[in-house]
């Protein structure tokens, strides 16, 4: 039989006060940060997110966390087949707006015309430790801070390379492209 806590004089009948002050402040700040912005601001963020092929929530999270508007995308080696991308991948690449694109290839070889036209640079990355250097070179080439870019990849080492390079976001290829991407083995 459960024993009920005795409510004493002066108790307002509210929830238990086991929550810490810092937790309460955090919940309050989180609610304030995610409060719906004015319509114009929301529409601007939506347009910028669509330009990069991201969701409003992903784009806004980076904006609030890092305080930057992303401008560049890095496609990690193997996140899609550059010789024959699926229709969904081609459509996603065609829908990208004004942004800089680096396509990293696992090995030099043929590349689809749609991918080649959309990519500002194509870099062969034959070993994992070369990926952060390729990203740094690309960001220097376009005169942008690494924090202004994000990576689309499919492997754990892609995510580690994105962190090492200082990119603002790592997006799994299956989430970015949908079902059109092969899953890593």
N, C-alpha and C. Protein backbone atom coordinates (compact mmCIF):
# COMPACT_ATOMS: atom_id res chain seq x y z
N UNK A 1 0.84 -1.16 0.00
CA UNK A 1 0.00 0.00 0.00
C UNK A 1 0.90 1.24 0.00
N UNK A 2 0.63 2.14 -0.95
CA UNK A 2 1.43 3.35 -1.08
C UNK A 2 1.08 4.34 0.02
N UNK A 3 2.10 4.97 0.53
CA UNK A 3 1.90 5.95 1.58
C UNK A 3 1.89 7.33 0.93
N UNK A 4 0.83 8.09 1.13
CA UNK A 4 0.74 9.43 0.58
C UNK A 4 1.53 10.39 1.44
N UNK A 5 2.20 11.32 0.76
CA UNK A 5 2.93 12.35 1.50
C UNK A 5 1.92 13.29 2.13
N UNK A 6 2.19 13.63 3.33
CA UNK A 6 1.29 14.52 4.06
C UNK A 6 1.53 15.95 3.60
N UNK A 7 0.47 16.60 3.17
CA UNK A 7 0.56 17.98 2.72
C UNK A 7 0.34 18.87 3.93
N UNK A 8 1.31 19.74 4.16
CA UNK A 8 1.24 20.59 5.34
C UNK A 8 0.63 21.95 5.06
N UNK A 9 0.55 22.73 6.10
CA UNK A 9 0.00 24.09 6.01
C UNK A 9 0.89 24.93 5.10
N UNK A 10 0.28 25.70 4.23
CA UNK A 10 1.02 26.56 3.32
C UNK A 10 1.34 25.92 1.98
N UNK A 11 1.03 24.63 1.82
CA UNK A 11 1.28 23.96 0.55
C UNK A 11 0.20 24.34 -0.43
N UNK A 12 0.57 24.73 -1.65
CA UNK A 12 -0.42 25.17 -2.62
C UNK A 12 -0.98 24.03 -3.47
N UNK A 13 -0.58 22.81 -3.23
CA UNK A 13 -1.09 21.66 -3.98
C UNK A 13 -0.44 21.49 -5.33
N UNK A 14 0.63 22.24 -5.61
CA UNK A 14 1.32 22.15 -6.90
C UNK A 14 2.24 20.95 -6.95
N UNK A 15 2.97 20.82 -8.04
CA UNK A 15 3.88 19.68 -8.19
C UNK A 15 5.02 19.76 -7.18
N UNK A 16 5.67 18.65 -6.94
CA UNK A 16 6.80 18.67 -6.00
C UNK A 16 7.92 19.57 -6.54
N UNK A 17 8.61 20.20 -5.65
CA UNK A 17 9.67 21.13 -6.03
C UNK A 17 11.04 20.47 -6.05
N UNK A 18 11.10 19.31 -6.70
CA UNK A 18 12.35 18.57 -6.77
C UNK A 18 13.22 19.03 -7.92
N UNK A 19 12.69 19.91 -8.75
CA UNK A 19 13.42 20.41 -9.89
C UNK A 19 14.39 21.49 -9.44
N UNK A 20 15.59 21.45 -9.96
CA UNK A 20 16.60 22.43 -9.56
C UNK A 20 16.33 23.78 -10.24
N UNK A 21 16.91 24.80 -9.68
CA UNK A 21 16.76 26.15 -10.22
C UNK A 21 17.33 26.22 -11.64
N UNK A 22 18.48 25.61 -11.85
CA UNK A 22 19.11 25.66 -13.18
C UNK A 22 18.26 24.92 -14.22
N UNK A 23 17.61 23.83 -13.83
CA UNK A 23 16.73 23.11 -14.76
C UNK A 23 15.54 23.97 -15.14
N UNK A 24 14.99 24.68 -14.17
CA UNK A 24 13.86 25.56 -14.45
C UNK A 24 14.28 26.68 -15.40
N UNK A 25 15.47 27.28 -15.14
CA UNK A 25 15.97 28.33 -16.01
C UNK A 25 16.21 27.81 -17.43
N UNK A 26 16.74 26.59 -17.53
CA UNK A 26 17.00 26.00 -18.83
C UNK A 26 15.70 25.79 -19.61
N UNK A 27 14.68 25.25 -18.97
CA UNK A 27 13.39 25.04 -19.64
C UNK A 27 12.80 26.37 -20.10
N UNK A 28 12.93 27.38 -19.27
CA UNK A 28 12.39 28.69 -19.61
C UNK A 28 13.15 29.30 -20.80
N UNK A 29 14.47 29.20 -20.78
CA UNK A 29 15.28 29.73 -21.88
C UNK A 29 15.01 28.96 -23.18
N UNK A 30 14.86 27.64 -23.07
CA UNK A 30 14.57 26.82 -24.25
C UNK A 30 13.23 27.22 -24.87
N UNK A 31 12.23 27.41 -24.05
CA UNK A 31 10.91 27.82 -24.54
C UNK A 31 10.99 29.20 -25.20
N UNK A 32 11.75 30.10 -24.61
CA UNK A 32 11.88 31.45 -25.19
C UNK A 32 12.63 31.40 -26.51
N UNK A 33 13.67 30.57 -26.60
CA UNK A 33 14.46 30.48 -27.83
C UNK A 33 13.65 29.92 -28.99
N UNK A 34 12.81 28.93 -28.72
CA UNK A 34 12.03 28.29 -29.78
C UNK A 34 10.66 28.93 -29.97
N UNK A 35 10.45 30.08 -29.33
CA UNK A 35 9.20 30.81 -29.53
C UNK A 35 9.10 31.20 -31.01
N UNK A 36 7.92 31.14 -31.57
CA UNK A 36 7.74 31.46 -32.97
C UNK A 36 8.17 32.90 -33.24
N UNK A 37 9.11 33.08 -34.18
CA UNK A 37 9.57 34.45 -34.48
C UNK A 37 8.53 35.18 -35.33
N UNK A 38 8.73 36.46 -35.56
CA UNK A 38 7.83 37.18 -36.46
C UNK A 38 7.79 36.51 -37.83
N UNK A 39 6.68 36.70 -38.54
CA UNK A 39 6.45 36.03 -39.82
C UNK A 39 7.60 36.24 -40.81
N UNK A 40 8.09 37.46 -40.92
CA UNK A 40 9.15 37.78 -41.87
C UNK A 40 10.43 37.00 -41.56
N UNK A 41 10.75 36.90 -40.28
CA UNK A 41 11.95 36.17 -39.87
C UNK A 41 11.78 34.68 -40.17
N UNK A 42 10.62 34.13 -39.85
CA UNK A 42 10.36 32.71 -40.13
C UNK A 42 10.44 32.43 -41.62
N UNK A 43 9.87 33.30 -42.45
CA UNK A 43 9.90 33.09 -43.90
C UNK A 43 11.33 33.17 -44.44
N UNK A 44 12.13 34.08 -43.91
CA UNK A 44 13.52 34.19 -44.32
C UNK A 44 14.28 32.91 -43.97
N UNK A 45 14.07 32.41 -42.76
CA UNK A 45 14.74 31.17 -42.34
C UNK A 45 14.29 29.99 -43.19
N UNK A 46 13.01 29.93 -43.52
CA UNK A 46 12.50 28.84 -44.36
C UNK A 46 13.17 28.88 -45.73
N UNK A 47 13.26 30.06 -46.33
CA UNK A 47 13.90 30.19 -47.65
C UNK A 47 15.37 29.78 -47.59
N UNK A 48 16.06 30.22 -46.55
CA UNK A 48 17.48 29.86 -46.42
C UNK A 48 17.66 28.37 -46.18
N UNK A 49 16.77 27.76 -45.40
CA UNK A 49 16.83 26.32 -45.17
C UNK A 49 16.57 25.55 -46.46
N UNK A 50 15.58 25.97 -47.22
CA UNK A 50 15.26 25.29 -48.49
C UNK A 50 16.41 25.42 -49.48
N UNK A 51 17.08 26.57 -49.47
CA UNK A 51 18.22 26.79 -50.36
C UNK A 51 19.31 25.74 -50.14
N UNK A 52 19.42 25.27 -48.89
CA UNK A 52 20.42 24.26 -48.54
C UNK A 52 19.87 22.84 -48.50
N UNK A 53 18.57 22.71 -48.69
CA UNK A 53 17.95 21.38 -48.64
C UNK A 53 17.75 20.88 -47.22
N UNK A 54 17.68 21.80 -46.25
CA UNK A 54 17.50 21.43 -44.85
C UNK A 54 16.09 21.75 -44.38
N UNK A 55 15.74 21.21 -43.23
CA UNK A 55 14.47 21.55 -42.62
C UNK A 55 14.63 22.87 -41.86
N UNK A 56 13.51 23.52 -41.60
CA UNK A 56 13.52 24.77 -40.83
C UNK A 56 14.15 24.53 -39.46
N UNK A 57 13.79 23.41 -38.84
CA UNK A 57 14.28 23.13 -37.49
C UNK A 57 15.81 22.93 -37.47
N UNK A 58 16.35 22.19 -38.45
CA UNK A 58 17.80 21.99 -38.53
C UNK A 58 18.52 23.33 -38.73
N UNK A 59 18.01 24.12 -39.66
CA UNK A 59 18.65 25.40 -39.97
C UNK A 59 18.60 26.33 -38.75
N UNK A 60 17.43 26.42 -38.12
CA UNK A 60 17.27 27.30 -36.97
C UNK A 60 18.11 26.84 -35.79
N UNK A 61 18.24 25.53 -35.61
CA UNK A 61 19.06 25.02 -34.51
C UNK A 61 20.51 25.46 -34.67
N UNK A 62 21.04 25.38 -35.89
CA UNK A 62 22.42 25.83 -36.13
C UNK A 62 22.52 27.34 -35.94
N UNK A 63 21.53 28.06 -36.42
CA UNK A 63 21.54 29.51 -36.26
C UNK A 63 21.56 29.91 -34.78
N UNK A 64 20.75 29.23 -33.97
CA UNK A 64 20.72 29.56 -32.54
C UNK A 64 21.96 29.07 -31.82
N UNK A 65 22.49 27.92 -32.22
CA UNK A 65 23.65 27.35 -31.54
C UNK A 65 24.95 28.08 -31.92
N UNK A 66 25.16 28.27 -33.22
CA UNK A 66 26.41 28.84 -33.70
C UNK A 66 26.31 30.31 -34.07
N UNK A 67 25.09 30.78 -34.35
CA UNK A 67 24.91 32.17 -34.75
C UNK A 67 25.35 32.45 -36.17
N UNK A 68 25.32 31.43 -37.05
CA UNK A 68 25.76 31.61 -38.43
C UNK A 68 24.68 31.17 -39.41
N UNK A 69 24.69 31.79 -40.57
CA UNK A 69 23.84 31.37 -41.68
C UNK A 69 24.71 30.51 -42.60
N UNK A 70 24.40 29.24 -42.70
CA UNK A 70 25.23 28.32 -43.48
C UNK A 70 25.15 28.64 -44.97
N UNK A 71 26.27 28.42 -45.66
CA UNK A 71 26.37 28.74 -47.07
C UNK A 71 26.99 27.64 -47.90
N UNK A 72 27.50 26.57 -47.28
CA UNK A 72 28.23 25.55 -48.04
C UNK A 72 27.82 24.15 -47.60
N UNK A 73 27.85 23.23 -48.56
CA UNK A 73 27.53 21.82 -48.29
C UNK A 73 28.72 20.98 -48.74
N UNK A 74 29.08 20.01 -47.91
CA UNK A 74 30.12 19.04 -48.25
C UNK A 74 29.45 17.67 -48.32
N UNK A 75 29.53 17.03 -49.48
CA UNK A 75 29.02 15.67 -49.62
C UNK A 75 30.19 14.73 -49.42
N UNK A 76 30.12 13.91 -48.37
CA UNK A 76 31.21 13.01 -48.02
C UNK A 76 31.32 11.88 -49.04
N UNK A 77 32.50 11.24 -49.10
CA UNK A 77 32.68 10.15 -50.05
C UNK A 77 31.70 9.01 -49.76
N UNK A 78 31.08 8.51 -50.81
CA UNK A 78 30.19 7.37 -50.67
C UNK A 78 28.78 7.68 -50.18
N UNK A 79 28.44 8.96 -49.98
CA UNK A 79 27.08 9.25 -49.50
C UNK A 79 26.06 9.12 -50.63
N UNK A 80 26.52 9.15 -51.88
CA UNK A 80 25.70 8.79 -53.02
C UNK A 80 26.63 8.37 -54.15
N UNK A 81 26.10 7.67 -55.13
CA UNK A 81 26.91 7.19 -56.24
C UNK A 81 27.05 8.33 -57.25
N UNK A 82 28.22 8.96 -57.34
CA UNK A 82 28.37 10.12 -58.21
C UNK A 82 28.27 9.78 -59.70
N UNK A 83 28.48 8.51 -60.06
CA UNK A 83 28.39 8.13 -61.47
C UNK A 83 26.93 8.03 -61.92
N UNK A 84 26.06 7.56 -61.03
CA UNK A 84 24.64 7.41 -61.37
C UNK A 84 23.77 7.71 -60.16
N UNK A 85 23.60 8.96 -59.78
CA UNK A 85 22.74 9.24 -58.63
C UNK A 85 21.28 8.94 -58.94
N UNK A 86 20.53 8.56 -57.95
CA UNK A 86 19.11 8.27 -58.11
C UNK A 86 18.35 9.55 -58.47
N UNK A 87 17.16 9.38 -58.98
CA UNK A 87 16.33 10.51 -59.38
C UNK A 87 16.11 11.47 -58.21
N UNK A 88 15.86 10.93 -57.01
CA UNK A 88 15.63 11.77 -55.84
C UNK A 88 16.85 12.62 -55.51
N UNK A 89 18.04 12.03 -55.69
CA UNK A 89 19.28 12.76 -55.41
C UNK A 89 19.47 13.86 -56.44
N UNK A 90 19.21 13.54 -57.71
CA UNK A 90 19.32 14.57 -58.77
C UNK A 90 18.36 15.72 -58.50
N UNK A 91 17.13 15.40 -58.10
CA UNK A 91 16.14 16.44 -57.81
C UNK A 91 16.58 17.30 -56.63
N UNK A 92 17.14 16.66 -55.61
CA UNK A 92 17.61 17.40 -54.43
C UNK A 92 18.75 18.34 -54.82
N UNK A 93 19.68 17.84 -55.63
CA UNK A 93 20.80 18.67 -56.07
C UNK A 93 20.32 19.83 -56.95
N UNK A 94 19.35 19.56 -57.83
CA UNK A 94 18.81 20.60 -58.70
C UNK A 94 18.06 21.67 -57.91
N UNK A 95 17.45 21.29 -56.79
CA UNK A 95 16.66 22.22 -55.98
C UNK A 95 17.52 23.10 -55.08
N UNK A 96 18.80 22.79 -54.95
CA UNK A 96 19.66 23.60 -54.10
C UNK A 96 19.76 25.01 -54.67
N UNK A 97 19.71 25.97 -53.79
CA UNK A 97 19.78 27.37 -54.22
C UNK A 97 21.21 27.86 -54.26
N UNK A 98 21.38 29.11 -53.90
CA UNK A 98 22.67 29.77 -53.93
C UNK A 98 23.52 29.29 -52.77
N UNK A 99 24.27 28.22 -52.98
CA UNK A 99 25.17 27.71 -51.95
C UNK A 99 26.37 27.09 -52.63
N UNK A 100 27.44 26.94 -51.88
CA UNK A 100 28.68 26.36 -52.38
C UNK A 100 28.66 24.87 -52.10
N UNK A 101 29.13 24.05 -53.05
CA UNK A 101 29.04 22.59 -52.92
C UNK A 101 30.39 21.95 -53.20
N UNK A 102 30.82 21.10 -52.25
CA UNK A 102 32.01 20.26 -52.42
C UNK A 102 31.56 18.82 -52.45
N UNK A 103 31.94 18.09 -53.49
CA UNK A 103 31.64 16.66 -53.58
C UNK A 103 32.95 15.91 -53.40
N UNK A 104 33.01 15.06 -52.40
CA UNK A 104 34.19 14.25 -52.14
C UNK A 104 33.95 12.85 -52.67
N UNK A 105 34.90 12.32 -53.42
CA UNK A 105 34.78 11.00 -54.02
C UNK A 105 35.73 10.03 -53.33
N UNK A 106 35.27 8.80 -53.17
CA UNK A 106 36.10 7.77 -52.55
C UNK A 106 37.26 7.39 -53.46
N UNK A 107 37.04 7.49 -54.77
CA UNK A 107 38.10 7.21 -55.74
C UNK A 107 37.83 8.04 -56.99
N UNK A 108 38.88 8.45 -57.67
CA UNK A 108 38.67 9.20 -58.91
C UNK A 108 37.92 8.34 -59.92
N UNK A 109 37.07 8.95 -60.67
CA UNK A 109 36.30 8.20 -61.66
C UNK A 109 35.25 9.08 -62.30
N UNK A 110 34.37 8.44 -63.07
CA UNK A 110 33.35 9.23 -63.75
C UNK A 110 32.37 9.84 -62.75
N UNK A 111 31.85 11.00 -63.14
CA UNK A 111 30.91 11.69 -62.28
C UNK A 111 29.73 12.14 -63.14
N UNK A 112 28.54 11.99 -62.62
CA UNK A 112 27.33 12.35 -63.33
C UNK A 112 27.34 13.83 -63.67
N UNK A 113 26.80 14.18 -64.84
CA UNK A 113 26.78 15.56 -65.29
C UNK A 113 26.02 16.47 -64.33
N UNK A 114 24.89 15.99 -63.77
CA UNK A 114 24.10 16.80 -62.84
C UNK A 114 24.91 17.11 -61.58
N UNK A 115 25.68 16.14 -61.10
CA UNK A 115 26.52 16.34 -59.92
C UNK A 115 27.66 17.30 -60.27
N UNK A 116 28.27 17.09 -61.43
CA UNK A 116 29.40 17.92 -61.85
C UNK A 116 28.99 19.39 -62.01
N UNK A 117 27.79 19.62 -62.58
CA UNK A 117 27.31 20.98 -62.76
C UNK A 117 27.03 21.68 -61.44
N UNK A 118 26.55 20.92 -60.45
CA UNK A 118 26.18 21.52 -59.16
C UNK A 118 27.38 21.71 -58.25
N UNK A 119 28.41 20.88 -58.41
CA UNK A 119 29.58 20.94 -57.53
C UNK A 119 30.50 22.08 -57.93
N UNK A 120 30.88 22.85 -56.95
CA UNK A 120 31.87 23.89 -57.20
C UNK A 120 33.26 23.28 -57.22
N UNK A 121 33.43 22.20 -56.45
CA UNK A 121 34.71 21.50 -56.41
C UNK A 121 34.45 20.02 -56.20
N UNK A 122 35.33 19.20 -56.77
CA UNK A 122 35.28 17.75 -56.59
C UNK A 122 36.64 17.33 -56.07
N UNK A 123 36.66 16.63 -54.95
CA UNK A 123 37.93 16.24 -54.33
C UNK A 123 37.97 14.74 -54.10
N UNK A 124 38.99 14.06 -54.62
CA UNK A 124 39.14 12.64 -54.29
C UNK A 124 39.68 12.49 -52.87
N UNK A 125 39.00 11.71 -52.06
CA UNK A 125 39.42 11.48 -50.67
C UNK A 125 39.57 9.98 -50.51
N UNK A 126 40.79 9.48 -50.69
CA UNK A 126 41.01 8.04 -50.68
C UNK A 126 41.20 7.47 -49.28
N UNK A 127 41.54 8.29 -48.31
CA UNK A 127 41.67 7.80 -46.94
C UNK A 127 40.96 8.75 -45.99
N UNK A 128 40.42 8.22 -44.90
CA UNK A 128 39.61 9.03 -43.98
C UNK A 128 40.30 10.28 -43.44
N UNK A 129 41.60 10.20 -43.15
CA UNK A 129 42.26 11.36 -42.54
C UNK A 129 42.45 12.51 -43.53
N UNK A 130 42.20 12.27 -44.83
CA UNK A 130 42.33 13.33 -45.82
C UNK A 130 41.07 14.19 -45.93
N UNK A 131 39.94 13.73 -45.37
CA UNK A 131 38.68 14.47 -45.50
C UNK A 131 38.70 15.84 -44.81
N UNK A 132 39.14 15.95 -43.55
CA UNK A 132 39.18 17.29 -42.94
C UNK A 132 40.06 18.27 -43.71
N UNK A 133 41.16 17.78 -44.27
CA UNK A 133 42.05 18.66 -45.04
C UNK A 133 41.36 19.12 -46.33
N UNK A 134 40.62 18.22 -46.98
CA UNK A 134 39.89 18.59 -48.20
C UNK A 134 38.82 19.63 -47.89
N UNK A 135 38.16 19.48 -46.75
CA UNK A 135 37.14 20.46 -46.34
C UNK A 135 37.80 21.81 -46.06
N UNK A 136 38.91 21.80 -45.34
CA UNK A 136 39.61 23.04 -45.01
C UNK A 136 40.08 23.75 -46.29
N UNK A 137 40.61 22.98 -47.24
CA UNK A 137 41.06 23.57 -48.51
C UNK A 137 39.89 24.22 -49.26
N UNK A 138 38.76 23.52 -49.30
CA UNK A 138 37.58 24.05 -49.99
C UNK A 138 37.09 25.33 -49.33
N UNK A 139 37.00 25.33 -48.01
CA UNK A 139 36.50 26.51 -47.30
C UNK A 139 37.46 27.70 -47.47
N UNK A 140 38.76 27.42 -47.52
CA UNK A 140 39.73 28.49 -47.79
C UNK A 140 39.56 29.02 -49.22
N UNK A 141 39.35 28.09 -50.14
CA UNK A 141 39.19 28.44 -51.55
C UNK A 141 37.98 29.37 -51.76
N UNK A 142 36.87 29.10 -51.07
CA UNK A 142 35.68 29.93 -51.23
C UNK A 142 35.65 31.10 -50.23
N UNK A 143 36.72 31.21 -49.46
CA UNK A 143 36.88 32.32 -48.48
C UNK A 143 35.74 32.35 -47.46
N UNK A 144 35.48 31.19 -46.86
CA UNK A 144 34.43 31.07 -45.85
C UNK A 144 34.98 30.33 -44.65
N UNK A 145 34.43 30.64 -43.49
CA UNK A 145 34.78 29.92 -42.27
C UNK A 145 34.16 28.53 -42.34
N UNK A 146 34.82 27.51 -41.79
CA UNK A 146 34.22 26.17 -41.77
C UNK A 146 32.87 26.13 -41.06
N UNK A 147 32.64 27.04 -40.12
CA UNK A 147 31.36 27.07 -39.40
C UNK A 147 30.19 27.41 -40.32
N UNK A 148 30.47 27.92 -41.51
CA UNK A 148 29.42 28.28 -42.46
C UNK A 148 29.02 27.10 -43.35
N UNK A 149 29.55 25.92 -43.06
CA UNK A 149 29.24 24.75 -43.87
C UNK A 149 28.70 23.61 -43.04
N UNK A 150 28.11 22.64 -43.74
CA UNK A 150 27.68 21.41 -43.09
C UNK A 150 27.96 20.24 -44.01
N UNK A 151 27.98 19.04 -43.44
CA UNK A 151 28.31 17.84 -44.20
C UNK A 151 27.13 16.89 -44.28
N UNK A 152 26.99 16.26 -45.43
CA UNK A 152 26.06 15.16 -45.63
C UNK A 152 26.93 13.92 -45.80
N UNK A 153 26.74 12.93 -44.96
CA UNK A 153 27.55 11.73 -45.01
C UNK A 153 26.79 10.51 -44.55
N UNK A 154 27.47 9.36 -44.60
CA UNK A 154 26.78 8.12 -44.24
C UNK A 154 27.57 7.23 -43.28
N UNK A 155 28.74 7.64 -42.90
CA UNK A 155 29.58 6.82 -42.03
C UNK A 155 29.93 7.60 -40.74
N UNK A 156 30.32 6.86 -39.72
CA UNK A 156 30.73 7.47 -38.45
C UNK A 156 31.96 8.35 -38.66
N UNK A 157 32.90 7.90 -39.46
CA UNK A 157 34.11 8.70 -39.66
C UNK A 157 33.82 9.99 -40.42
N UNK A 158 32.74 10.02 -41.19
CA UNK A 158 32.34 11.28 -41.83
C UNK A 158 31.96 12.31 -40.77
N UNK A 159 31.19 11.86 -39.79
CA UNK A 159 30.77 12.76 -38.71
C UNK A 159 31.98 13.27 -37.92
N UNK A 160 32.91 12.38 -37.65
CA UNK A 160 34.12 12.79 -36.92
C UNK A 160 34.93 13.80 -37.73
N UNK A 161 35.01 13.58 -39.04
CA UNK A 161 35.74 14.51 -39.91
C UNK A 161 35.06 15.88 -39.94
N UNK A 162 33.73 15.89 -39.95
CA UNK A 162 32.98 17.15 -39.95
C UNK A 162 33.26 17.92 -38.66
N UNK A 163 33.29 17.21 -37.53
CA UNK A 163 33.61 17.86 -36.26
C UNK A 163 35.03 18.40 -36.25
N UNK A 164 35.96 17.58 -36.74
CA UNK A 164 37.37 17.98 -36.78
C UNK A 164 37.57 19.21 -37.67
N UNK A 165 36.82 19.26 -38.77
CA UNK A 165 36.96 20.39 -39.70
C UNK A 165 36.26 21.65 -39.20
N UNK A 166 35.40 21.51 -38.19
CA UNK A 166 34.72 22.68 -37.63
C UNK A 166 33.42 23.04 -38.31
N UNK A 167 32.81 22.07 -39.03
CA UNK A 167 31.53 22.34 -39.69
C UNK A 167 30.42 22.45 -38.65
N UNK A 168 29.36 23.17 -38.98
CA UNK A 168 28.29 23.44 -38.02
C UNK A 168 27.31 22.29 -37.83
N UNK A 169 27.19 21.40 -38.81
CA UNK A 169 26.16 20.38 -38.76
C UNK A 169 26.61 19.16 -39.54
N UNK A 170 26.24 17.99 -39.06
CA UNK A 170 26.39 16.76 -39.82
C UNK A 170 25.00 16.20 -40.03
N UNK A 171 24.66 15.93 -41.27
CA UNK A 171 23.33 15.40 -41.60
C UNK A 171 23.52 14.03 -42.25
N UNK A 172 22.93 12.97 -41.67
CA UNK A 172 23.04 11.65 -42.32
C UNK A 172 22.42 11.68 -43.71
N UNK A 173 23.07 11.03 -44.66
CA UNK A 173 22.61 11.03 -46.05
C UNK A 173 21.20 10.47 -46.18
N UNK A 174 20.87 9.45 -45.39
CA UNK A 174 19.52 8.86 -45.49
C UNK A 174 18.45 9.88 -45.07
N UNK A 175 18.78 10.79 -44.15
CA UNK A 175 17.84 11.84 -43.75
C UNK A 175 17.81 12.97 -44.76
N UNK A 176 18.95 13.28 -45.34
CA UNK A 176 19.03 14.39 -46.28
C UNK A 176 18.42 14.04 -47.64
N UNK A 177 18.77 12.85 -48.16
CA UNK A 177 18.28 12.45 -49.47
C UNK A 177 17.03 11.57 -49.41
N UNK A 178 16.79 10.93 -48.29
CA UNK A 178 15.66 10.01 -48.20
C UNK A 178 16.08 8.61 -48.60
N UNK A 179 15.16 7.87 -49.17
CA UNK A 179 15.40 6.45 -49.51
C UNK A 179 16.31 6.27 -50.71
N UNK A 180 16.71 7.35 -51.38
CA UNK A 180 17.51 7.24 -52.60
C UNK A 180 18.95 6.86 -52.34
N UNK A 181 19.37 6.82 -51.10
CA UNK A 181 20.78 6.60 -50.77
C UNK A 181 20.98 5.18 -50.26
N UNK A 182 22.09 4.60 -50.68
CA UNK A 182 22.45 3.27 -50.18
C UNK A 182 22.83 3.38 -48.71
N UNK A 183 22.47 2.39 -47.95
CA UNK A 183 22.84 2.36 -46.54
C UNK A 183 24.22 1.75 -46.41
N UNK A 184 25.07 2.24 -45.52
CA UNK A 184 26.41 1.66 -45.36
C UNK A 184 26.30 0.26 -44.81
N UNK A 185 27.27 -0.55 -45.19
CA UNK A 185 27.26 -1.96 -44.74
C UNK A 185 27.98 -2.14 -43.45
